[in-house]
Amino acid sequence: MDLSFTRFDRVAEVTVLPADLAVLMVGVAARQAASRTATIEAAFTRTLVDPRLFAPLDGAFNGAMASALVRWKEQ
């Protein structure tokens, strides 16, 4: 799971949001960034632990479960 936030792109066009929606989105982003999971993920970048150590070998999904689902669907 990639919990990193995308960096601000200086060439991107800025869209004006209604004030209430902007405040809501800032609040959600702040709560997500302060979550225990995000804190642990951020610690990976500050330590010598290779984050790929926790990445699934089959990409973003468990390969054994994907194979089981395909076999189940074919039945």
C-alpha atoms as a PDB file:
ATOM      1  CA  MET A   1       0.000   0.000   0.000  1.00  0.00           C
ATOM      2  CA  ASP A   2       1.464   3.321  -1.018  1.00  0.00           C
ATOM      3  CA  LEU A   3       0.618   5.972   1.538  1.00  0.00           C
ATOM      4  CA  SER A   4       2.823   8.707   0.178  1.00  0.00           C
ATOM      5  CA  PHE A   5       1.221  11.934  -0.896  1.00  0.00           C
ATOM      6  CA  THR A   6       1.857  13.247  -4.369  1.00  0.00           C
ATOM      7  CA  ARG A   7       4.091  16.283  -4.494  1.00  0.00           C
ATOM      8  CA  PHE A   8       2.763  19.621  -5.658  1.00  0.00           C
ATOM      9  CA  ASP A   9       3.336  20.027  -9.369  1.00  0.00           C
ATOM     10  CA  ARG A  10       4.253  23.604 -10.259  1.00  0.00           C
ATOM     11  CA  VAL A  11       2.901  23.285 -13.802  1.00  0.00           C
ATOM     12  CA  ALA A  12      -0.500  21.966 -12.694  1.00  0.00           C
ATOM     13  CA  GLU A  13      -3.486  24.224 -12.988  1.00  0.00           C
ATOM     14  CA  VAL A  14      -4.918  25.214  -9.609  1.00  0.00           C
ATOM     15  CA  THR A  15      -8.662  24.798  -9.220  1.00  0.00           C
ATOM     16  CA  VAL A  16     -10.594  27.002  -6.831  1.00  0.00           C
ATOM     17  CA  LEU A  17     -12.746  24.939  -4.473  1.00  0.00           C
ATOM     18  CA  PRO A  18     -15.674  26.117  -2.394  1.00  0.00           C
ATOM     19  CA  ALA A  19     -14.395  27.090   1.070  1.00  0.00           C
ATOM     20  CA  ASP A  20     -16.368  24.379   2.898  1.00  0.00           C
ATOM     21  CA  LEU A  21     -15.068  21.636   0.618  1.00  0.00           C
ATOM     22  CA  ALA A  22     -11.502  22.914   0.886  1.00  0.00           C
ATOM     23  CA  VAL A  23     -11.683  22.915   4.696  1.00  0.00           C
ATOM     24  CA  LEU A  24     -13.171  19.397   4.674  1.00  0.00           C
ATOM     25  CA  MET A  25     -10.407  18.097   2.385  1.00  0.00           C
ATOM     26  CA  VAL A  26      -7.664  19.681   4.504  1.00  0.00           C
ATOM     27  CA  GLY A  27      -9.157  18.081   7.606  1.00  0.00           C
ATOM     28  CA  VAL A  28      -9.310  14.646   5.979  1.00  0.00           C
ATOM     29  CA  ALA A  29      -5.736  14.928   4.701  1.00  0.00           C
ATOM     30  CA  ALA A  30      -4.512  15.997   8.149  1.00  0.00           C
ATOM     31  CA  ARG A  31      -6.247  13.054   9.857  1.00  0.00           C
ATOM     32  CA  GLN A  32      -4.861  10.631   7.280  1.00  0.00           C
ATOM     33  CA  ALA A  33      -1.341  12.011   7.673  1.00  0.00           C
ATOM     34  CA  ALA A  34      -1.584  11.721  11.471  1.00  0.00           C
ATOM     35  CA  SER A  35      -2.856   8.131  11.398  1.00  0.00           C
ATOM     36  CA  ARG A  36      -0.777   5.362  12.943  1.00  0.00           C
ATOM     37  CA  THR A  37      -0.360   3.663   9.557  1.00  0.00           C
ATOM     38  CA  ALA A  38       0.928   6.847   7.906  1.00  0.00           C
ATOM     39  CA  THR A  39       3.291   7.466  10.806  1.00  0.00           C
ATOM     40  CA  ILE A  40       4.780   3.974  10.478  1.00  0.00           C
ATOM     41  CA  GLU A  41       5.060   4.333   6.700  1.00  0.00           C
ATOM     42  CA  ALA A  42       6.853   7.666   7.115  1.00  0.00           C
ATOM     43  CA  ALA A  43       9.282   6.046   9.551  1.00  0.00           C
ATOM     44  CA  PHE A  44      10.373   3.691   6.756  1.00  0.00           C
ATOM     45  CA  THR A  45      11.764   6.626   4.796  1.00  0.00           C
ATOM     46  CA  ARG A  46      13.726   7.903   7.806  1.00  0.00           C
ATOM     47  CA  THR A  47      15.341   4.575   8.690  1.00  0.00           C
ATOM     48  CA  LEU A  48      17.613   2.151   6.921  1.00  0.00           C
ATOM     49  CA  VAL A  49      14.778  -0.376   6.502  1.00  0.00           C
ATOM     50  CA  ASP A  50      14.146  -1.072   2.838  1.00  0.00           C
ATOM     51  CA  PRO A  51      10.395  -0.415   2.247  1.00  0.00           C
ATOM     52  CA  ARG A  52      10.412  -3.104  -0.460  1.00  0.00           C
ATOM     53  CA  LEU A  53      10.849  -5.584   2.373  1.00  0.00           C
ATOM     54  CA  PHE A  54       7.131  -5.221   3.097  1.00  0.00           C
ATOM     55  CA  ALA A  55       5.956  -5.124  -0.529  1.00  0.00           C
ATOM     56  CA  PRO A  56       4.084  -8.157  -1.873  1.00  0.00           C
ATOM     57  CA  LEU A  57       6.099 -10.273  -4.285  1.00  0.00           C
ATOM     58  CA  ASP A  58       3.209 -10.327  -6.767  1.00  0.00           C
ATOM     59  CA  GLY A  59       2.688  -6.590  -6.870  1.00  0.00           C
ATOM     60  CA  ALA A  60      -0.278  -4.899  -5.245  1.00  0.00           C
ATOM     61  CA  PHE A  61      -2.248  -8.128  -4.794  1.00  0.00           C
ATOM     62  CA  ASN A  62      -1.578 -11.509  -3.234  1.00  0.00           C
ATOM     63  CA  GLY A  63      -0.698 -13.852  -6.124  1.00  0.00           C
ATOM     64  CA  ALA A  64      -1.929 -17.016  -4.395  1.00  0.00           C
ATOM     65  CA  MET A  65      -5.311 -15.412  -3.703  1.00  0.00           C
ATOM     66  CA  ALA A  66      -5.550 -14.121  -7.279  1.00  0.00           C
ATOM     67  CA  SER A  67      -4.934 -17.648  -8.595  1.00  0.00           C
ATOM     68  CA  ALA A  68      -7.545 -19.058  -6.223  1.00  0.00           C
ATOM     69  CA  LEU A  69     -10.099 -16.491  -7.416  1.00  0.00           C
ATOM     70  CA  VAL A  70      -9.407 -17.327 -11.067  1.00  0.00           C
ATOM     71  CA  ARG A  71      -9.798 -21.061 -10.385  1.00  0.00           C
ATOM     72  CA  TRP A  72     -13.025 -20.409  -8.447  1.00  0.00           C
ATOM     73  CA  LYS A  73     -14.424 -18.259 -11.275  1.00  0.00           C
ATOM     74  CA  GLU A  74     -13.632 -20.955 -13.860  1.00  0.00           C
ATOM     75  CA  GLN A  75     -15.644 -23.602 -11.958  1.00  0.00           C
END
